[in-house]
Amino acid sequence: MKWEYIDLEAAIWTMPAGGTKMRREHRVPLSRQAIAIILSMRDVAAYSEYVFPSFNPKKPLSENAITGALKRLGYAGVMTAHGFRTAASSLLNESGEFHPDAIERALAHQDSNAVRRVYNRTQYWDERVRMMQWWSDKIDSLKRLNAT
């Protein structure tokens, strides 16, 4: 996540096509909590083009660094950095609050049906905005539950 890809006023993170696995631009609505985390990094990472830099300011924090931190926290064999995508997909689908296509679009997945993929270019933006706020609120509620 580079600072230049964030529009805090619009609450959007835009990943350019060259930075995604599928080579397609991907836009992510930012929840209030996500914006607060990004803002908290301003003073910490102002020296880097990345919001979450590694020890080398010219590189972003890697997936391996996050997985390593999870291991040190006692989650070895339980959670990986990529596992957060699985957890989000599972909880969002299980909630019954969101259309499965909106969840897949939020994860930057393509439709497996080639004909449908060509014709359905819907981004489900309004639902994804609501979904991201729901997800952040869900994480906050789990934190509070765990704190008691």
C-alpha atoms as a PDB file:
ATOM      1  CA  MET A   1       0.000   0.000   0.000  1.00  0.00           C
ATOM      2  CA  LYS A   2       1.630   3.211  -1.161  1.00  0.00           C
ATOM      3  CA  TRP A   3       0.620   6.587   0.195  1.00  0.00           C
ATOM      4  CA  GLU A   4      -0.090   7.802  -3.325  1.00  0.00           C
ATOM      5  CA  TYR A   5      -2.753   5.089  -3.798  1.00  0.00           C
ATOM      6  CA  ILE A   6      -4.851   6.304  -0.868  1.00  0.00           C
ATOM      7  CA  ASP A   7      -7.600   8.902  -1.160  1.00  0.00           C
ATOM      8  CA  LEU A   8      -8.592   9.570   2.448  1.00  0.00           C
ATOM      9  CA  GLU A   9     -11.316  12.052   1.532  1.00  0.00           C
ATOM     10  CA  ALA A  10     -13.046   9.543  -0.740  1.00  0.00           C
ATOM     11  CA  ALA A  11     -12.072   6.662   1.606  1.00  0.00           C
ATOM     12  CA  ILE A  12     -10.647   4.585  -1.253  1.00  0.00           C
ATOM     13  CA  TRP A  13      -7.445   2.627  -1.755  1.00  0.00           C
ATOM     14  CA  THR A  14      -6.755   2.136  -5.475  1.00  0.00           C
ATOM     15  CA  MET A  15      -4.289  -0.568  -6.429  1.00  0.00           C
ATOM     16  CA  PRO A  16      -3.059   0.007  -9.989  1.00  0.00           C
ATOM     17  CA  ALA A  17      -3.268  -2.867 -12.466  1.00  0.00           C
ATOM     18  CA  GLY A  18       0.486  -3.419 -12.390  1.00  0.00           C
ATOM     19  CA  GLY A  19       0.405  -4.101  -8.671  1.00  0.00           C
ATOM     20  CA  THR A  20      -2.241  -6.833  -8.690  1.00  0.00           C
ATOM     21  CA  LYS A  21      -1.956 -10.543  -9.431  1.00  0.00           C
ATOM     22  CA  MET A  22      -4.633 -10.366 -12.163  1.00  0.00           C
ATOM     23  CA  ARG A  23      -3.165  -7.165 -13.673  1.00  0.00           C
ATOM     24  CA  ARG A  24      -6.452  -5.281 -13.158  1.00  0.00           C
ATOM     25  CA  GLU A  25      -6.966  -2.124 -11.140  1.00  0.00           C
ATOM     26  CA  HIS A  26      -8.662  -2.912  -7.844  1.00  0.00           C
ATOM     27  CA  ARG A  27     -10.385  -0.348  -5.633  1.00  0.00           C
ATOM     28  CA  VAL A  28     -11.032  -0.963  -1.957  1.00  0.00           C
ATOM     29  CA  PRO A  29     -13.436   1.112   0.138  1.00  0.00           C
ATOM     30  CA  LEU A  30     -11.853   2.084   3.460  1.00  0.00           C
ATOM     31  CA  SER A  31     -13.767   1.791   6.728  1.00  0.00           C
ATOM     32  CA  ARG A  32     -13.470   4.356   9.505  1.00  0.00           C
ATOM     33  CA  GLN A  33     -11.142   1.979  11.350  1.00  0.00           C
ATOM     34  CA  ALA A  34      -8.929   1.440   8.293  1.00  0.00           C
ATOM     35  CA  ILE A  35      -8.606   5.196   7.826  1.00  0.00           C
ATOM     36  CA  ALA A  36      -7.657   5.598  11.496  1.00  0.00           C
ATOM     37  CA  ILE A  37      -4.918   2.943  11.129  1.00  0.00           C
ATOM     38  CA  ILE A  38      -3.595   4.590   7.966  1.00  0.00           C
ATOM     39  CA  LEU A  39      -3.562   8.000   9.655  1.00  0.00           C
ATOM     40  CA  SER A  40      -1.739   6.509  12.653  1.00  0.00           C
ATOM     41  CA  MET A  41       1.062   5.478  10.278  1.00  0.00           C
ATOM     42  CA  ARG A  42       1.700   9.019   8.994  1.00  0.00           C
ATOM     43  CA  ASP A  43       4.340   9.872  11.582  1.00  0.00           C
ATOM     44  CA  VAL A  44       5.709   6.332  11.749  1.00  0.00           C
ATOM     45  CA  ALA A  45       6.157   5.816   7.994  1.00  0.00           C
ATOM     46  CA  ALA A  46       6.441   9.348   6.615  1.00  0.00           C
ATOM     47  CA  TYR A  47       9.981   8.526   5.432  1.00  0.00           C
ATOM     48  CA  SER A  48       8.710   5.819   3.057  1.00  0.00           C
ATOM     49  CA  GLU A  49       6.444   5.665   0.016  1.00  0.00           C
ATOM     50  CA  TYR A  50       4.738   2.707   1.759  1.00  0.00           C
ATOM     51  CA  VAL A  51       2.152   2.984   4.508  1.00  0.00           C
ATOM     52  CA  PHE A  52       3.575  -0.202   6.067  1.00  0.00           C
ATOM     53  CA  PRO A  53       7.285  -0.259   5.156  1.00  0.00           C
ATOM     54  CA  SER A  54       9.749  -2.996   6.007  1.00  0.00           C
ATOM     55  CA  PHE A  55      13.047  -2.201   7.724  1.00  0.00           C
ATOM     56  CA  ASN A  56      14.191  -1.165   4.258  1.00  0.00           C
ATOM     57  CA  PRO A  57      12.018   1.912   3.553  1.00  0.00           C
ATOM     58  CA  LYS A  58      12.147   1.181  -0.180  1.00  0.00           C
ATOM     59  CA  LYS A  59      10.184  -2.055   0.342  1.00  0.00           C
ATOM     60  CA  PRO A  60       6.757  -2.806   1.804  1.00  0.00           C
ATOM     61  CA  LEU A  61       6.203  -5.070   4.769  1.00  0.00           C
ATOM     62  CA  SER A  62       6.089  -8.584   3.316  1.00  0.00           C
ATOM     63  CA  GLU A  63       3.535 -11.345   3.766  1.00  0.00           C
ATOM     64  CA  ASN A  64       6.328 -13.382   5.374  1.00  0.00           C
ATOM     65  CA  ALA A  65       6.927 -10.644   7.960  1.00  0.00           C
ATOM     66  CA  ILE A  66       3.245 -10.737   8.926  1.00  0.00           C
ATOM     67  CA  THR A  67       3.193 -14.548   9.047  1.00  0.00           C
ATOM     68  CA  GLY A  68       6.367 -14.438  11.157  1.00  0.00           C
ATOM     69  CA  ALA A  69       4.721 -12.015  13.575  1.00  0.00           C
ATOM     70  CA  LEU A  70       1.708 -14.334  13.810  1.00  0.00           C
ATOM     71  CA  LYS A  71       4.056 -17.236  14.645  1.00  0.00           C
ATOM     72  CA  ARG A  72       5.741 -15.200  17.386  1.00  0.00           C
ATOM     73  CA  LEU A  73       2.284 -14.411  18.778  1.00  0.00           C
ATOM     74  CA  GLY A  74       1.591 -18.142  19.068  1.00  0.00           C
ATOM     75  CA  TYR A  75      -0.510 -18.622  15.925  1.00  0.00           C
ATOM     76  CA  ALA A  76       1.917 -20.937  14.066  1.00  0.00           C
ATOM     77  CA  GLY A  77      -0.099 -23.501  12.147  1.00  0.00           C
ATOM     78  CA  VAL A  78      -3.313 -21.620  12.949  1.00  0.00           C
ATOM     79  CA  MET A  79      -3.133 -18.404  10.910  1.00  0.00           C
ATOM     80  CA  THR A  80      -1.106 -16.911   8.081  1.00  0.00           C
ATOM     81  CA  ALA A  81      -1.217 -13.483   6.483  1.00  0.00           C
ATOM     82  CA  HIS A  82      -3.218 -14.902   3.568  1.00  0.00           C
ATOM     83  CA  GLY A  83      -5.527 -16.647   6.040  1.00  0.00           C
ATOM     84  CA  PHE A  84      -7.156 -13.307   6.850  1.00  0.00           C
ATOM     85  CA  ARG A  85      -8.692 -13.357   3.354  1.00  0.00           C
ATOM     86  CA  THR A  86     -10.127 -16.815   4.061  1.00  0.00           C
ATOM     87  CA  ALA A  87     -11.493 -15.692   7.423  1.00  0.00           C
ATOM     88  CA  ALA A  88     -13.072 -12.602   5.883  1.00  0.00           C
ATOM     89  CA  SER A  89     -14.657 -14.558   3.038  1.00  0.00           C
ATOM     90  CA  SER A  90     -16.009 -17.178   5.431  1.00  0.00           C
ATOM     91  CA  LEU A  91     -17.466 -14.734   7.957  1.00  0.00           C
ATOM     92  CA  LEU A  92     -18.885 -12.410   5.287  1.00  0.00           C
ATOM     93  CA  ASN A  93     -20.575 -15.306   3.478  1.00  0.00           C
ATOM     94  CA  GLU A  94     -21.779 -16.849   6.728  1.00  0.00           C
ATOM     95  CA  SER A  95     -23.325 -13.553   7.845  1.00  0.00           C
ATOM     96  CA  GLY A  96     -25.900 -13.680   5.045  1.00  0.00           C
ATOM     97  CA  GLU A  97     -25.650  -9.887   4.870  1.00  0.00           C
ATOM     98  CA  PHE A  98     -23.899  -9.648   1.504  1.00  0.00           C
ATOM     99  CA  HIS A  99     -24.265 -10.975  -2.010  1.00  0.00           C
ATOM    100  CA  PRO A 100     -21.617 -13.646  -2.711  1.00  0.00           C
ATOM    101  CA  ASP A 101     -20.641 -11.812  -5.920  1.00  0.00           C
ATOM    102  CA  ALA A 102     -19.930  -8.647  -3.906  1.00  0.00           C
ATOM    103  CA  ILE A 103     -17.707 -10.638  -1.554  1.00  0.00           C
ATOM    104  CA  GLU A 104     -15.811 -12.161  -4.473  1.00  0.00           C
ATOM    105  CA  ARG A 105     -15.392  -8.734  -6.086  1.00  0.00           C
ATOM    106  CA  ALA A 106     -14.065  -7.349  -2.784  1.00  0.00           C
ATOM    107  CA  LEU A 107     -11.436 -10.112  -2.832  1.00  0.00           C
ATOM    108  CA  ALA A 108     -10.545  -9.180  -6.447  1.00  0.00           C
ATOM    109  CA  HIS A 109     -11.670 -12.599  -7.675  1.00  0.00           C
ATOM    110  CA  GLN A 110     -12.937 -13.180 -11.202  1.00  0.00           C
ATOM    111  CA  ASP A 111     -16.101 -15.102 -11.966  1.00  0.00           C
ATOM    112  CA  SER A 112     -15.253 -18.693 -12.928  1.00  0.00           C
ATOM    113  CA  ASN A 113     -17.953 -18.635 -15.618  1.00  0.00           C
ATOM    114  CA  ALA A 114     -16.226 -17.091 -18.664  1.00  0.00           C
ATOM    115  CA  VAL A 115     -19.449 -15.805 -20.280  1.00  0.00           C
ATOM    116  CA  ARG A 116     -20.733 -14.292 -17.038  1.00  0.00           C
ATOM    117  CA  ARG A 117     -17.288 -12.737 -16.424  1.00  0.00           C
ATOM    118  CA  VAL A 118     -17.463 -10.980 -19.816  1.00  0.00           C
ATOM    119  CA  TYR A 119     -20.947  -9.554 -19.291  1.00  0.00           C
ATOM    120  CA  ASN A 120     -21.168  -8.916 -15.554  1.00  0.00           C
ATOM    121  CA  ARG A 121     -18.828  -6.019 -14.843  1.00  0.00           C
ATOM    122  CA  THR A 122     -20.664  -4.870 -11.751  1.00  0.00           C
ATOM    123  CA  GLN A 123     -18.390  -3.654  -8.955  1.00  0.00           C
ATOM    124  CA  TYR A 124     -21.086  -3.832  -6.219  1.00  0.00           C
ATOM    125  CA  TRP A 125     -19.534  -0.646  -4.850  1.00  0.00           C
ATOM    126  CA  ASP A 126     -22.252   0.493  -2.425  1.00  0.00           C
ATOM    127  CA  GLU A 127     -22.522  -3.003  -0.970  1.00  0.00           C
ATOM    128  CA  ARG A 128     -18.739  -3.278  -0.689  1.00  0.00           C
ATOM    129  CA  VAL A 129     -18.584   0.043   1.203  1.00  0.00           C
ATOM    130  CA  ARG A 130     -21.186  -1.294   3.639  1.00  0.00           C
ATOM    131  CA  MET A 131     -19.365  -4.660   3.778  1.00  0.00           C
ATOM    132  CA  MET A 132     -16.005  -3.152   4.679  1.00  0.00           C
ATOM    133  CA  GLN A 133     -17.544  -1.144   7.514  1.00  0.00           C
ATOM    134  CA  TRP A 134     -19.419  -4.241   8.713  1.00  0.00           C
ATOM    135  CA  TRP A 135     -16.145  -6.227   8.657  1.00  0.00           C
ATOM    136  CA  SER A 136     -14.249  -3.574  10.640  1.00  0.00           C
ATOM    137  CA  ASP A 137     -17.072  -3.360  13.173  1.00  0.00           C
ATOM    138  CA  LYS A 138     -17.067  -7.179  13.427  1.00  0.00           C
ATOM    139  CA  ILE A 139     -13.320  -7.197  14.150  1.00  0.00           C
ATOM    140  CA  ASP A 140     -13.851  -4.510  16.815  1.00  0.00           C
ATOM    141  CA  SER A 141     -16.611  -6.592  18.429  1.00  0.00           C
ATOM    142  CA  LEU A 142     -14.350  -9.671  18.464  1.00  0.00           C
ATOM    143  CA  LYS A 143     -11.575  -7.607  20.079  1.00  0.00           C
ATOM    144  CA  ARG A 144     -13.993  -6.436  22.794  1.00  0.00           C
ATOM    145  CA  LEU A 145     -15.251 -10.009  23.312  1.00  0.00           C
ATOM    146  CA  ASN A 146     -11.684 -11.262  23.644  1.00  0.00           C
ATOM    147  CA  ALA A 147     -10.799  -8.488  26.108  1.00  0.00           C
ATOM    148  CA  THR A 148     -13.423  -9.621  28.611  1.00  0.00           C
END
